[in-house]
Amino acid sequence: QVQLVESGGGLVQPGGSLTLSCVYSGHIPEDLNLGWYRQATGKEREWVATIHAIGMTTDYADSVKGRFAISRDNAKNTTWLQMSGLKPEDTATYYCAATWGNGAVTWGQGTQVTVSS
């Protein structure tokens, strides 16, 4: 089982930057894909970005493309979501997610990001 712990959320002004971290632990499979999701109040959880185990390829939702960057360091068991050009509509609870094997998934506890002046 994989455990995830996010950190780095907070209050930031529009146009600002913030970096979220997610440390993963436990039995780490070789095919561990890591992703970030977010859920705003009253809305469904939506996918933000993924970094794949194979080739470290990345994918982004259109709403964050060009503003957010996902990365990982397997030696540190950490993935990051670097967010820049933040907008009020980016306000949400951000969740780290890990997937592997035949659809196994685990979630972190979430970290709040608020973009407001």
C-alpha atoms as a PDB file:
ATOM      1  CA  GLN A   1       0.000   0.000   0.000  1.00  0.00           C
ATOM      2  CA  VAL A   2       1.152   3.507  -0.845  1.00  0.00           C
ATOM      3  CA  GLN A   3       0.644   6.428   1.525  1.00  0.00           C
ATOM      4  CA  LEU A   4       0.614  10.062   0.412  1.00  0.00           C
ATOM      5  CA  VAL A   5       1.086  13.260   2.401  1.00  0.00           C
ATOM      6  CA  GLU A   6       0.634  16.656   0.761  1.00  0.00           C
ATOM      7  CA  SER A   7       1.925  20.005   1.953  1.00  0.00           C
ATOM      8  CA  GLY A   8       2.496  23.525   0.692  1.00  0.00           C
ATOM      9  CA  GLY A   9      -0.992  24.949   0.414  1.00  0.00           C
ATOM     10  CA  GLY A  10      -1.868  28.440   1.559  1.00  0.00           C
ATOM     11  CA  LEU A  11      -3.176  31.866   0.655  1.00  0.00           C
ATOM     12  CA  VAL A  12      -1.698  33.595  -2.388  1.00  0.00           C
ATOM     13  CA  GLN A  13      -2.596  36.695  -4.357  1.00  0.00           C
ATOM     14  CA  PRO A  14      -3.786  36.486  -7.961  1.00  0.00           C
ATOM     15  CA  GLY A  15      -0.814  36.169 -10.266  1.00  0.00           C
ATOM     16  CA  GLY A  16       1.285  34.630  -7.539  1.00  0.00           C
ATOM     17  CA  SER A  17       3.012  31.282  -7.291  1.00  0.00           C
ATOM     18  CA  LEU A  18       2.874  28.315  -4.975  1.00  0.00           C
ATOM     19  CA  THR A  19       4.464  24.876  -4.940  1.00  0.00           C
ATOM     20  CA  LEU A  20       2.710  21.842  -3.525  1.00  0.00           C
ATOM     21  CA  SER A  21       4.615  18.769  -2.376  1.00  0.00           C
ATOM     22  CA  CYS A  22       3.503  15.178  -1.975  1.00  0.00           C
ATOM     23  CA  VAL A  23       5.654  12.590  -0.245  1.00  0.00           C
ATOM     24  CA  TYR A  24       4.862   8.956  -0.978  1.00  0.00           C
ATOM     25  CA  SER A  25       5.816   6.022   1.224  1.00  0.00           C
ATOM     26  CA  GLY A  26       5.123   2.370   1.804  1.00  0.00           C
ATOM     27  CA  HIS A  27       5.516  -0.353  -0.788  1.00  0.00           C
ATOM     28  CA  ILE A  28       6.336   1.666  -3.936  1.00  0.00           C
ATOM     29  CA  PRO A  29       5.557  -0.177  -7.179  1.00  0.00           C
ATOM     30  CA  GLU A  30       7.727   0.448 -10.241  1.00  0.00           C
ATOM     31  CA  ASP A  31       4.740   1.565 -12.314  1.00  0.00           C
ATOM     32  CA  LEU A  32       3.615   4.264  -9.870  1.00  0.00           C
ATOM     33  CA  ASN A  33       1.968   7.165 -11.702  1.00  0.00           C
ATOM     34  CA  LEU A  34       1.457  10.344  -9.712  1.00  0.00           C
ATOM     35  CA  GLY A  35      -1.155  12.993 -10.234  1.00  0.00           C
ATOM     36  CA  TRP A  36      -2.797  16.055  -8.791  1.00  0.00           C
ATOM     37  CA  TYR A  37      -6.507  16.689  -8.590  1.00  0.00           C
ATOM     38  CA  ARG A  38      -8.487  19.552  -7.105  1.00  0.00           C
ATOM     39  CA  GLN A  39     -11.945  20.121  -5.738  1.00  0.00           C
ATOM     40  CA  ALA A  40     -13.500  23.521  -5.302  1.00  0.00           C
ATOM     41  CA  THR A  41     -16.382  24.068  -2.917  1.00  0.00           C
ATOM     42  CA  GLY A  42     -19.602  22.807  -4.435  1.00  0.00           C
ATOM     43  CA  LYS A  43     -17.870  21.269  -7.456  1.00  0.00           C
ATOM     44  CA  GLU A  44     -16.717  17.814  -8.441  1.00  0.00           C
ATOM     45  CA  ARG A  45     -13.103  16.769  -8.092  1.00  0.00           C
ATOM     46  CA  GLU A  46     -11.208  17.427 -11.322  1.00  0.00           C
ATOM     47  CA  TRP A  47      -7.944  16.160 -12.687  1.00  0.00           C
ATOM     48  CA  VAL A  48      -5.099  18.693 -12.901  1.00  0.00           C
ATOM     49  CA  ALA A  49      -1.908  16.921 -13.953  1.00  0.00           C
ATOM     50  CA  THR A  50      -0.166  13.546 -14.136  1.00  0.00           C
ATOM     51  CA  ILE A  51       3.449  12.433 -14.309  1.00  0.00           C
ATOM     52  CA  HIS A  52       3.910   8.884 -15.493  1.00  0.00           C
ATOM     53  CA  ALA A  53       6.350   6.314 -14.172  1.00  0.00           C
ATOM     54  CA  ILE A  54       7.454   5.398 -17.697  1.00  0.00           C
ATOM     55  CA  GLY A  55       9.508   8.153 -19.291  1.00  0.00           C
ATOM     56  CA  MET A  56       8.406  10.769 -16.775  1.00  0.00           C
ATOM     57  CA  THR A  57       5.925  12.013 -19.346  1.00  0.00           C
ATOM     58  CA  THR A  58       3.458  14.637 -18.191  1.00  0.00           C
ATOM     59  CA  ASP A  59      -0.123  15.589 -18.994  1.00  0.00           C
ATOM     60  CA  TYR A  60      -2.090  18.658 -17.980  1.00  0.00           C
ATOM     61  CA  ALA A  61      -5.668  19.822 -17.937  1.00  0.00           C
ATOM     62  CA  ASP A  62      -6.257  22.631 -20.431  1.00  0.00           C
ATOM     63  CA  SER A  63      -7.169  24.982 -17.597  1.00  0.00           C
ATOM     64  CA  VAL A  64      -3.641  24.823 -16.111  1.00  0.00           C
ATOM     65  CA  LYS A  65      -1.490  24.138 -19.162  1.00  0.00           C
ATOM     66  CA  GLY A  66       1.367  26.622 -19.353  1.00  0.00           C
ATOM     67  CA  ARG A  67       0.898  27.746 -15.752  1.00  0.00           C
ATOM     68  CA  PHE A  68       1.409  24.559 -13.710  1.00  0.00           C
ATOM     69  CA  ALA A  69       4.287  22.086 -13.825  1.00  0.00           C
ATOM     70  CA  ILE A  70       4.373  18.613 -12.284  1.00  0.00           C
ATOM     71  CA  SER A  71       7.633  16.892 -11.430  1.00  0.00           C
ATOM     72  CA  ARG A  72       8.919  13.994  -9.329  1.00  0.00           C
ATOM     73  CA  ASP A  73      12.096  12.727  -7.733  1.00  0.00           C
ATOM     74  CA  ASN A  74      11.922   9.006  -7.054  1.00  0.00           C
ATOM     75  CA  ALA A  75      15.058   9.152  -4.910  1.00  0.00           C
ATOM     76  CA  LYS A  76      13.200  11.535  -2.580  1.00  0.00           C
ATOM     77  CA  ASN A  77       9.827   9.818  -2.997  1.00  0.00           C
ATOM     78  CA  THR A  78       8.347  13.214  -3.742  1.00  0.00           C
ATOM     79  CA  THR A  79       6.241  14.818  -6.429  1.00  0.00           C
ATOM     80  CA  TRP A  80       5.663  18.540  -6.779  1.00  0.00           C
ATOM     81  CA  LEU A  81       3.102  20.760  -8.428  1.00  0.00           C
ATOM     82  CA  GLN A  82       4.558  24.165  -9.244  1.00  0.00           C
ATOM     83  CA  MET A  83       1.777  26.670  -9.789  1.00  0.00           C
ATOM     84  CA  SER A  84       2.261  30.118 -11.266  1.00  0.00           C
ATOM     85  CA  GLY A  85      -0.037  32.772 -12.657  1.00  0.00           C
ATOM     86  CA  LEU A  86      -2.597  31.701 -10.096  1.00  0.00           C
ATOM     87  CA  LYS A  87      -6.182  32.810 -10.583  1.00  0.00           C
ATOM     88  CA  PRO A  88      -9.090  32.967  -8.128  1.00  0.00           C
ATOM     89  CA  GLU A  89     -10.646  30.041  -9.988  1.00  0.00           C
ATOM     90  CA  ASP A  90      -7.650  27.916  -8.975  1.00  0.00           C
ATOM     91  CA  THR A  91      -8.918  28.062  -5.394  1.00  0.00           C
ATOM     92  CA  ALA A  92      -9.586  24.494  -4.259  1.00  0.00           C
ATOM     93  CA  THR A  93      -8.424  21.650  -2.105  1.00  0.00           C
ATOM     94  CA  TYR A  94      -5.609  19.940  -3.991  1.00  0.00           C
ATOM     95  CA  TYR A  95      -5.138  16.187  -3.710  1.00  0.00           C
ATOM     96  CA  CYS A  96      -2.192  14.050  -4.633  1.00  0.00           C
ATOM     97  CA  ALA A  97      -3.090  10.682  -6.174  1.00  0.00           C
ATOM     98  CA  ALA A  98      -1.079   7.576  -6.958  1.00  0.00           C
ATOM     99  CA  THR A  99      -2.117   4.879  -9.413  1.00  0.00           C
ATOM    100  CA  TRP A 100      -0.464   1.603 -10.321  1.00  0.00           C
ATOM    101  CA  GLY A 101      -1.115  -1.904 -11.557  1.00  0.00           C
ATOM    102  CA  ASN A 102      -4.645  -2.657 -12.715  1.00  0.00           C
ATOM    103  CA  GLY A 103      -6.251   0.538 -11.543  1.00  0.00           C
ATOM    104  CA  ALA A 104      -5.175   0.637  -7.910  1.00  0.00           C
ATOM    105  CA  VAL A 105      -5.375   4.155  -6.531  1.00  0.00           C
ATOM    106  CA  THR A 106      -4.673   5.952  -3.290  1.00  0.00           C
ATOM    107  CA  TRP A 107      -5.249   9.577  -2.266  1.00  0.00           C
ATOM    108  CA  GLY A 108      -3.628  12.058   0.031  1.00  0.00           C
ATOM    109  CA  GLN A 109      -5.549  14.050   2.606  1.00  0.00           C
ATOM    110  CA  GLY A 110      -5.561  17.256   0.569  1.00  0.00           C
ATOM    111  CA  THR A 111      -4.111  20.732   1.009  1.00  0.00           C
ATOM    112  CA  GLN A 112      -6.048  23.972   0.631  1.00  0.00           C
ATOM    113  CA  VAL A 113      -5.018  26.593  -1.923  1.00  0.00           C
ATOM    114  CA  THR A 114      -6.774  29.949  -1.806  1.00  0.00           C
ATOM    115  CA  VAL A 115      -6.142  32.609  -4.433  1.00  0.00           C
ATOM    116  CA  SER A 116      -7.453  35.948  -3.269  1.00  0.00           C
ATOM    117  CA  SER A 117      -6.431  39.563  -2.882  1.00  0.00           C
END
